[in-house]
Amino acid sequence: MNFRLWTHLFFFQFVSFSAVVVIIFGILIYELNVMTLAEVFTVEFFNIPVYLIIIAFILTMSIVLAIILTVALSSPFEQIRARINWLLLGKYQNEIFRKELQGGNWFDASRQTAKDINRLRDKIVNLSTDLQEYTAAPVFVGEDTKEEIIEKERNRIARELHDSVSQQLFAATMMISAISEVAEREELSVTKSVKKVEEIIGNAQTEMRALLLHLRPIDLVDQRLDQGIKHLLEELDTKIPMEIHWNLAPVKVDSGIEDHLFRIVQEAISNTMRHAKANKFEIYLTQDKHSIQLKIIDDGQGFDVSTAKQKGNYGLRNMEERVKSLGGILNLISSIGKGTSIDIQIPISKREVNV
């Protein structure tokens, strides 16, 4: 119950009842001369002063009527607020939109507002479906434009390889040179240096594998989404020093949407391998009649989400753009030292469920 509304209504009822009682007694005392003002405070009923009975009656009626009015007034608006909250969460198919507004019989405005919200929800669902169809549809470009796109992607990957892997391999080379000099003198142990070189080279290999994920085909090559993700994870499980767990349910959506979700998974894995320093990686894929849910978790070093967004993190921005293009919602939770959790929800239409 809305206590603030109840307080206002109680005060209004109390003042109103008190004013009515004062007017009635004023008429009885000064106009009709039925009683005097002194008698008002001396007359008793069952040994209880009448004025106390009147005050108790006013308080009781004010409390009861305030409660009734508060419930009657706030109930439809609470339901309207609930509808708006479900829209904000992207739960366009929630059962609440199929229910009639309870209460609010006195106020046609609240019912009309609820109908307007449902119409807005229908438009959002239609726009989301149209956006998914547009995103999933193949885009045909001329050969020159396609070559420019491919060249731009290759240049980006080449820059990242140069800026990260090349520097690590160079550091490893310098360490090996130092080890050689030490070994020639045979005066110092080289065990720690060798381990350091192995660590650097191992990091370089992990970095290389993460970057090469971007070179994989955009489509799933005649595989379902869950099959493609499973194949990718099984391949990585044998190559990287990280514990990987997954639970992938088959999903039924257009192949274009599957391709986008697969690329999102690739991007998330690449970011984890390159930046998270995680020991454990988990991915879950489920579907109900309203949406597809993709959850990705790691126990890595985490990061400050607001800072990453301000700096324009490429991987994060890429995932957000893909999710947005599908009409979905991406919730990112991360904190330094506590890992990262990515929760993605993509709405689906009835037509897609029947694919």
Protein backbone atom coordinates (compact mmCIF):
# COMPACT_ATOMS: atom_id res chain seq x y z
CA MET A 1 0.00 0.00 0.00
CA ASN A 2 1.15 3.50 -0.83
CA PHE A 3 1.67 4.96 2.66
CA ARG A 4 2.28 8.47 1.39
CA LEU A 5 -1.03 8.46 -0.50
CA TRP A 6 -2.78 7.01 2.56
CA THR A 7 -1.39 9.80 4.76
CA HIS A 8 -2.71 12.48 2.41
CA LEU A 9 -6.12 10.82 2.17
CA PHE A 10 -6.33 10.28 5.94
CA PHE A 11 -5.54 13.94 6.61
CA PHE A 12 -8.14 15.03 4.05
CA GLN A 13 -10.82 12.71 5.50
CA PHE A 14 -10.05 13.74 9.08
CA VAL A 15 -10.28 17.44 8.27
CA SER A 16 -13.48 16.91 6.27
CA PHE A 17 -15.25 14.90 8.98
CA SER A 18 -14.08 17.32 11.66
CA ALA A 19 -15.42 20.26 9.67
CA VAL A 20 -18.79 18.55 9.22
CA VAL A 21 -19.05 17.79 12.96
CA VAL A 22 -18.10 21.37 13.89
CA ILE A 23 -20.74 22.73 11.50
CA ILE A 24 -23.42 20.40 12.91
CA PHE A 25 -22.66 21.33 16.51
CA GLY A 26 -22.48 25.00 15.56
CA ILE A 27 -26.00 24.81 14.16
CA LEU A 28 -27.26 22.92 17.24
CA ILE A 29 -25.69 25.41 19.65
CA TYR A 30 -26.03 28.81 18.00
CA GLU A 31 -28.97 28.44 15.61
CA LEU A 32 -31.31 25.90 17.21
CA ASN A 33 -30.24 26.45 20.83
CA VAL A 34 -30.61 22.74 21.49
CA MET A 35 -27.53 22.63 23.70
CA THR A 36 -24.73 24.81 25.00
CA LEU A 37 -21.03 24.63 24.29
CA ALA A 38 -20.34 23.52 27.86
CA GLU A 39 -22.72 20.57 27.47
CA VAL A 40 -20.71 19.29 24.51
CA PHE A 41 -17.81 18.57 26.87
CA THR A 42 -19.90 17.33 29.82
CA VAL A 43 -22.51 15.03 28.27
CA GLU A 44 -21.61 11.35 28.63
CA PHE A 45 -22.77 8.16 26.95
CA PHE A 46 -22.15 4.96 28.94
CA ASN A 47 -19.89 7.03 31.19
CA ILE A 48 -17.79 8.09 28.20
CA PRO A 49 -17.68 11.76 27.20
CA VAL A 50 -19.54 12.27 23.94
CA TYR A 51 -16.79 14.43 22.47
CA LEU A 52 -14.31 11.52 22.85
CA ILE A 53 -16.75 9.20 21.09
CA ILE A 54 -17.07 11.71 18.26
CA ILE A 55 -13.28 12.05 17.95
CA ALA A 56 -12.85 8.25 17.94
CA PHE A 57 -15.57 7.96 15.27
CA ILE A 58 -13.87 10.58 13.10
CA LEU A 59 -10.48 8.87 13.45
CA THR A 60 -11.90 5.43 12.68
CA MET A 61 -13.85 6.58 9.63
CA SER A 62 -10.85 8.56 8.36
CA ILE A 63 -8.52 5.56 8.70
CA VAL A 64 -10.96 3.10 7.07
CA LEU A 65 -11.92 5.37 4.19
CA ALA A 66 -8.28 6.33 3.59
CA ILE A 67 -7.33 2.65 3.34
CA ILE A 68 -10.22 1.89 0.95
CA LEU A 69 -9.44 4.87 -1.27
CA THR A 70 -5.69 4.17 -1.24
CA VAL A 71 -6.19 0.59 -2.41
CA ALA A 72 -8.76 1.62 -5.00
CA LEU A 73 -6.60 4.44 -6.36
CA SER A 74 -3.16 2.83 -6.24
CA SER A 75 -3.98 -0.72 -7.41
CA PRO A 76 -4.50 0.08 -11.11
CA PHE A 77 -1.48 2.39 -11.19
CA GLU A 78 0.71 -0.25 -9.53
CA GLN A 79 -0.34 -2.63 -12.30
CA ILE A 80 0.46 0.01 -14.91
CA ARG A 81 3.88 0.56 -13.34
CA ALA A 82 4.48 -3.20 -13.40
CA ARG A 83 3.71 -3.25 -17.13
CA ILE A 84 6.16 -0.40 -17.73
CA ASN A 85 8.87 -2.18 -15.71
CA TRP A 86 8.45 -5.37 -17.75
CA LEU A 87 8.80 -3.28 -20.92
CA LEU A 88 12.01 -1.74 -19.58
CA LEU A 89 13.36 -5.23 -18.85
CA GLY A 90 12.58 -6.34 -22.40
CA LYS A 91 10.03 -8.94 -21.23
CA TYR A 92 7.53 -8.08 -23.95
CA GLN A 93 5.81 -11.48 -23.80
CA ASN A 94 5.12 -11.50 -20.06
CA GLU A 95 1.68 -12.77 -19.01
CA ILE A 96 0.84 -9.44 -17.38
CA PHE A 97 0.15 -7.91 -20.80
CA ARG A 98 -2.59 -10.49 -21.42
CA LYS A 99 -4.44 -9.76 -18.18
CA GLU A 100 -7.17 -7.21 -17.75
CA LEU A 101 -6.45 -4.35 -15.39
CA GLN A 102 -7.79 -5.29 -11.95
CA GLY A 103 -9.68 -2.60 -10.05
CA GLY A 104 -9.81 0.96 -11.23
CA ASN A 105 -13.49 0.71 -12.17
CA TRP A 106 -13.97 4.31 -11.15
CA PHE A 107 -11.26 5.55 -13.45
CA ASP A 108 -11.52 5.03 -17.18
CA ALA A 109 -8.21 6.89 -17.51
CA SER A 110 -6.24 4.09 -15.83
CA ARG A 111 -7.78 1.45 -18.08
CA GLN A 112 -7.09 3.58 -21.13
CA THR A 113 -3.48 4.02 -20.01
CA ALA A 114 -3.11 0.25 -19.64
CA LYS A 115 -4.48 -0.23 -23.16
CA ASP A 116 -2.05 2.38 -24.49
CA ILE A 117 0.85 0.53 -22.82
CA ASN A 118 -0.27 -2.74 -24.41
CA ARG A 119 -0.42 -1.05 -27.81
CA LEU A 120 3.07 0.34 -27.22
CA ARG A 121 4.24 -3.15 -26.28
CA ASP A 122 2.76 -4.55 -29.51
CA LYS A 123 4.61 -1.92 -31.53
CA ILE A 124 7.88 -2.73 -29.72
CA VAL A 125 7.41 -6.44 -30.42
CA ASN A 126 6.73 -5.74 -34.10
CA LEU A 127 9.75 -3.43 -34.34
CA SER A 128 11.92 -6.02 -32.61
CA THR A 129 10.77 -8.71 -35.05
CA ASP A 130 11.36 -6.42 -38.05
CA LEU A 131 14.81 -5.52 -36.71
CA GLN A 132 15.73 -9.19 -36.29
CA GLU A 133 14.53 -10.01 -39.81
CA TYR A 134 16.52 -7.10 -41.21
CA THR A 135 19.63 -8.09 -39.25
CA ALA A 136 19.33 -11.78 -40.15
CA ALA A 137 18.77 -11.15 -43.84
CA PRO A 138 21.79 -11.57 -46.13
CA VAL A 139 23.35 -8.32 -47.34
CA PHE A 140 24.67 -8.28 -50.90
CA VAL A 141 27.44 -5.82 -51.74
CA GLY A 142 29.62 -5.30 -54.77
CA GLU A 143 32.97 -7.07 -55.02
CA ASP A 144 34.94 -3.89 -54.45
CA THR A 145 33.03 -3.06 -51.28
CA LYS A 146 33.36 -6.62 -50.02
CA GLU A 147 37.11 -6.49 -50.57
CA GLU A 148 37.29 -3.22 -48.66
CA ILE A 149 35.43 -4.79 -45.74
CA ILE A 150 37.70 -7.83 -45.74
CA GLU A 151 40.81 -5.67 -46.02
CA LYS A 152 39.71 -3.47 -43.12
CA GLU A 153 39.15 -6.53 -40.92
CA ARG A 154 42.52 -7.99 -41.88
CA ASN A 155 44.27 -4.71 -41.11
CA ARG A 156 42.60 -4.52 -37.71
CA ILE A 157 43.67 -8.05 -36.81
CA ALA A 158 47.17 -7.42 -38.14
CA ARG A 159 47.49 -4.34 -35.93
CA GLU A 160 46.32 -6.26 -32.88
CA LEU A 161 48.71 -9.12 -33.64
CA HIS A 162 51.57 -6.66 -33.99
CA ASP A 163 50.71 -4.68 -30.87
CA SER A 164 50.23 -7.68 -28.61
CA VAL A 165 51.64 -11.01 -29.79
CA SER A 166 54.65 -9.56 -31.60
CA GLN A 167 55.76 -7.65 -28.52
CA GLN A 168 55.42 -10.71 -26.32
CA LEU A 169 57.42 -12.85 -28.74
CA PHE A 170 60.07 -10.13 -28.93
CA ALA A 171 60.29 -10.14 -25.14
CA ALA A 172 60.66 -13.92 -25.23
CA THR A 173 63.48 -13.60 -27.76
CA MET A 174 65.33 -11.13 -25.57
CA MET A 175 64.94 -13.43 -22.58
CA ILE A 176 66.33 -16.36 -24.54
CA SER A 177 69.35 -14.24 -25.52
CA ALA A 178 69.95 -13.40 -21.89
CA ILE A 179 69.65 -17.07 -20.95
CA SER A 180 72.24 -17.96 -23.57
CA GLU A 181 74.70 -15.49 -22.11
CA VAL A 182 74.11 -16.82 -18.61
CA ALA A 183 74.52 -20.40 -19.77
CA GLU A 184 77.82 -19.56 -21.44
CA ARG A 185 79.20 -18.20 -18.22
CA GLU A 186 77.73 -21.16 -16.26
CA GLU A 187 77.71 -19.10 -13.15
CA LEU A 188 73.96 -18.59 -12.53
CA SER A 189 70.90 -20.83 -12.52
CA VAL A 190 68.68 -20.32 -15.54
CA THR A 191 65.63 -22.17 -14.24
CA LYS A 192 63.63 -19.05 -13.32
CA SER A 193 64.45 -17.38 -16.60
CA VAL A 194 63.37 -20.42 -18.58
CA LYS A 195 60.05 -20.53 -16.72
CA LYS A 196 59.56 -16.85 -17.43
CA VAL A 197 60.17 -17.43 -21.13
CA GLU A 198 57.71 -20.32 -21.12
CA GLU A 199 55.13 -18.10 -19.46
CA ILE A 200 55.61 -15.31 -22.00
CA ILE A 201 55.38 -17.71 -24.93
CA GLY A 202 52.30 -19.35 -23.40
CA ASN A 203 50.63 -15.95 -23.06
CA ALA A 204 51.52 -15.19 -26.66
CA GLN A 205 49.95 -18.42 -27.84
CA THR A 206 46.77 -17.73 -25.88
CA GLU A 207 46.66 -14.21 -27.27
CA MET A 208 47.13 -15.53 -30.79
CA ARG A 209 44.31 -18.06 -30.42
CA ALA A 210 42.01 -15.38 -29.02
CA LEU A 211 42.69 -13.02 -31.90
CA LEU A 212 42.32 -15.75 -34.48
CA LEU A 213 38.76 -16.32 -33.28
CA HIS A 214 37.94 -13.18 -35.27
CA LEU A 215 39.10 -14.91 -38.45
CA ARG A 216 36.56 -17.74 -38.16
CA PRO A 217 33.65 -17.74 -40.61
CA ILE A 218 30.70 -15.57 -39.67
CA ASP A 219 28.20 -18.35 -40.31
CA LEU A 220 27.97 -21.70 -38.54
CA VAL A 221 28.67 -23.80 -41.66
CA ASP A 222 25.43 -25.86 -41.57
CA GLN A 223 25.55 -26.35 -37.80
CA ARG A 224 22.98 -25.41 -35.19
CA LEU A 225 24.02 -22.70 -32.76
CA ASP A 226 24.48 -25.10 -29.84
CA GLN A 227 26.50 -27.47 -32.04
CA GLY A 228 28.76 -24.68 -33.28
CA ILE A 229 29.40 -23.36 -29.77
CA LYS A 230 30.07 -26.87 -28.45
CA HIS A 231 32.52 -27.58 -31.28
CA LEU A 232 34.33 -24.30 -30.58
CA LEU A 233 34.54 -24.96 -26.83
CA GLU A 234 35.73 -28.54 -27.30
CA GLU A 235 38.48 -27.29 -29.59
CA LEU A 236 39.57 -24.61 -27.13
CA ASP A 237 39.39 -26.99 -24.17
CA THR A 238 42.35 -28.93 -25.56
CA LYS A 239 44.44 -25.85 -26.33
CA ILE A 240 44.12 -23.37 -23.49
CA PRO A 241 44.89 -23.76 -19.75
CA MET A 242 41.38 -22.90 -18.61
CA GLU A 243 38.57 -25.02 -17.17
CA ILE A 244 35.55 -24.76 -19.48
CA HIS A 245 31.96 -25.78 -18.64
CA TRP A 246 28.89 -25.50 -20.83
CA ASN A 247 25.21 -26.41 -20.96
CA LEU A 248 23.75 -25.70 -24.38
CA ALA A 249 20.13 -26.30 -25.35
CA PRO A 250 19.05 -26.43 -29.02
CA VAL A 251 17.40 -23.17 -30.12
CA LYS A 252 14.98 -22.55 -32.96
CA VAL A 253 15.55 -19.20 -34.66
CA ASP A 254 16.56 -17.87 -38.05
CA SER A 255 20.06 -18.80 -39.13
CA GLY A 256 21.00 -15.12 -39.35
CA ILE A 257 20.22 -14.64 -35.66
CA GLU A 258 22.20 -17.79 -34.85
CA ASP A 259 25.19 -16.33 -36.70
CA HIS A 260 25.05 -13.14 -34.64
CA LEU A 261 24.80 -15.07 -31.37
CA PHE A 262 27.73 -17.25 -32.42
CA ARG A 263 29.83 -14.16 -33.10
CA ILE A 264 28.86 -12.77 -29.68
CA VAL A 265 30.10 -16.00 -28.08
CA GLN A 266 33.35 -15.78 -30.06
CA GLU A 267 33.84 -12.18 -28.93
CA ALA A 268 33.20 -13.06 -25.28
CA ILE A 269 35.62 -16.00 -25.39
CA SER A 270 38.26 -13.86 -27.08
CA ASN A 271 37.92 -11.13 -24.44
CA THR A 272 38.17 -13.69 -21.64
CA MET A 273 41.29 -15.30 -23.10
CA ARG A 274 43.02 -11.99 -23.71
CA HIS A 275 42.12 -9.94 -20.65
CA ALA A 276 40.40 -11.90 -17.87
CA LYS A 277 43.25 -14.16 -16.68
CA ALA A 278 40.52 -16.59 -15.70
CA ASN A 279 40.86 -20.16 -14.50
CA LYS A 280 37.25 -21.06 -15.19
CA PHE A 281 34.85 -20.20 -18.01
CA GLU A 282 31.15 -21.12 -18.22
CA ILE A 283 28.54 -20.66 -20.94
CA TYR A 284 24.83 -21.48 -20.85
CA LEU A 285 22.29 -21.34 -23.69
CA THR A 286 18.55 -21.76 -23.11
CA GLN A 287 15.30 -20.86 -24.83
CA ASP A 288 11.69 -20.46 -23.73
CA LYS A 289 8.64 -19.44 -25.73
CA HIS A 290 9.49 -15.75 -25.39
CA SER A 291 13.27 -15.37 -25.63
CA ILE A 292 16.73 -16.89 -25.96
CA GLN A 293 19.01 -16.58 -22.93
CA LEU A 294 22.78 -16.65 -23.26
CA LYS A 295 24.86 -16.45 -20.08
CA ILE A 296 28.66 -16.26 -20.03
CA ILE A 297 30.65 -16.30 -16.78
CA ASP A 298 34.34 -16.26 -15.88
CA ASP A 299 36.24 -16.08 -12.59
CA GLY A 300 38.91 -13.73 -13.91
CA GLN A 301 40.27 -10.45 -12.64
CA GLY A 302 37.19 -8.47 -13.64
CA PHE A 303 37.11 -4.78 -14.52
CA ASP A 304 35.24 -1.55 -13.91
CA VAL A 305 32.30 -1.57 -16.33
CA SER A 306 31.79 2.21 -16.48
CA THR A 307 35.48 2.82 -17.19
CA ALA A 308 35.51 0.19 -19.95
CA LYS A 309 32.48 1.78 -21.62
CA GLN A 310 34.01 5.26 -21.41
CA LYS A 311 37.19 4.00 -23.06
CA GLY A 312 35.12 2.40 -25.83
CA ASN A 313 36.26 -1.22 -25.36
CA TYR A 314 36.07 -2.73 -28.85
CA GLY A 315 34.92 -6.21 -27.83
CA LEU A 316 32.27 -4.95 -25.43
CA ARG A 317 30.98 -2.39 -27.90
CA ASN A 318 30.82 -5.02 -30.63
CA MET A 319 28.74 -7.38 -28.45
CA GLU A 320 26.39 -4.59 -27.39
CA GLU A 321 25.83 -3.53 -31.00
CA ARG A 322 25.04 -7.08 -32.08
CA VAL A 323 22.61 -7.60 -29.20
CA LYS A 324 20.95 -4.26 -29.90
CA SER A 325 20.60 -5.14 -33.58
CA LEU A 326 18.61 -8.22 -32.51
CA GLY A 327 16.34 -6.17 -30.28
CA GLY A 328 17.81 -7.79 -27.18
CA ILE A 329 19.25 -6.73 -23.84
CA LEU A 330 22.80 -7.24 -22.56
CA ASN A 331 23.42 -7.05 -18.81
CA LEU A 332 27.09 -6.91 -17.87
CA ILE A 333 28.20 -7.40 -14.26
CA SER A 334 31.87 -7.20 -13.36
CA SER A 335 34.03 -5.95 -10.54
CA ILE A 336 37.77 -5.98 -10.04
CA GLY A 337 38.90 -9.30 -8.58
CA LYS A 338 35.46 -10.93 -8.79
CA GLY A 339 35.12 -12.04 -12.40
CA THR A 340 32.59 -11.13 -15.07
CA SER A 341 29.05 -12.21 -15.91
CA ILE A 342 27.32 -11.44 -19.23
CA ASP A 343 23.57 -12.08 -19.43
CA ILE A 344 21.98 -11.72 -22.87
CA GLN A 345 18.28 -12.01 -23.71
CA ILE A 346 17.02 -11.99 -27.29
CA PRO A 347 13.23 -11.80 -27.83
CA ILE A 348 11.77 -14.23 -30.36
CA SER A 349 8.54 -14.15 -32.31
CA LYS A 350 6.07 -17.02 -32.65
CA ARG A 351 7.18 -17.48 -36.24
CA GLU A 352 10.77 -18.06 -35.13
CA VAL A 353 9.72 -20.60 -32.51
CA ASN A 354 8.08 -22.63 -35.26
CA VAL A 355 11.14 -22.53 -37.54
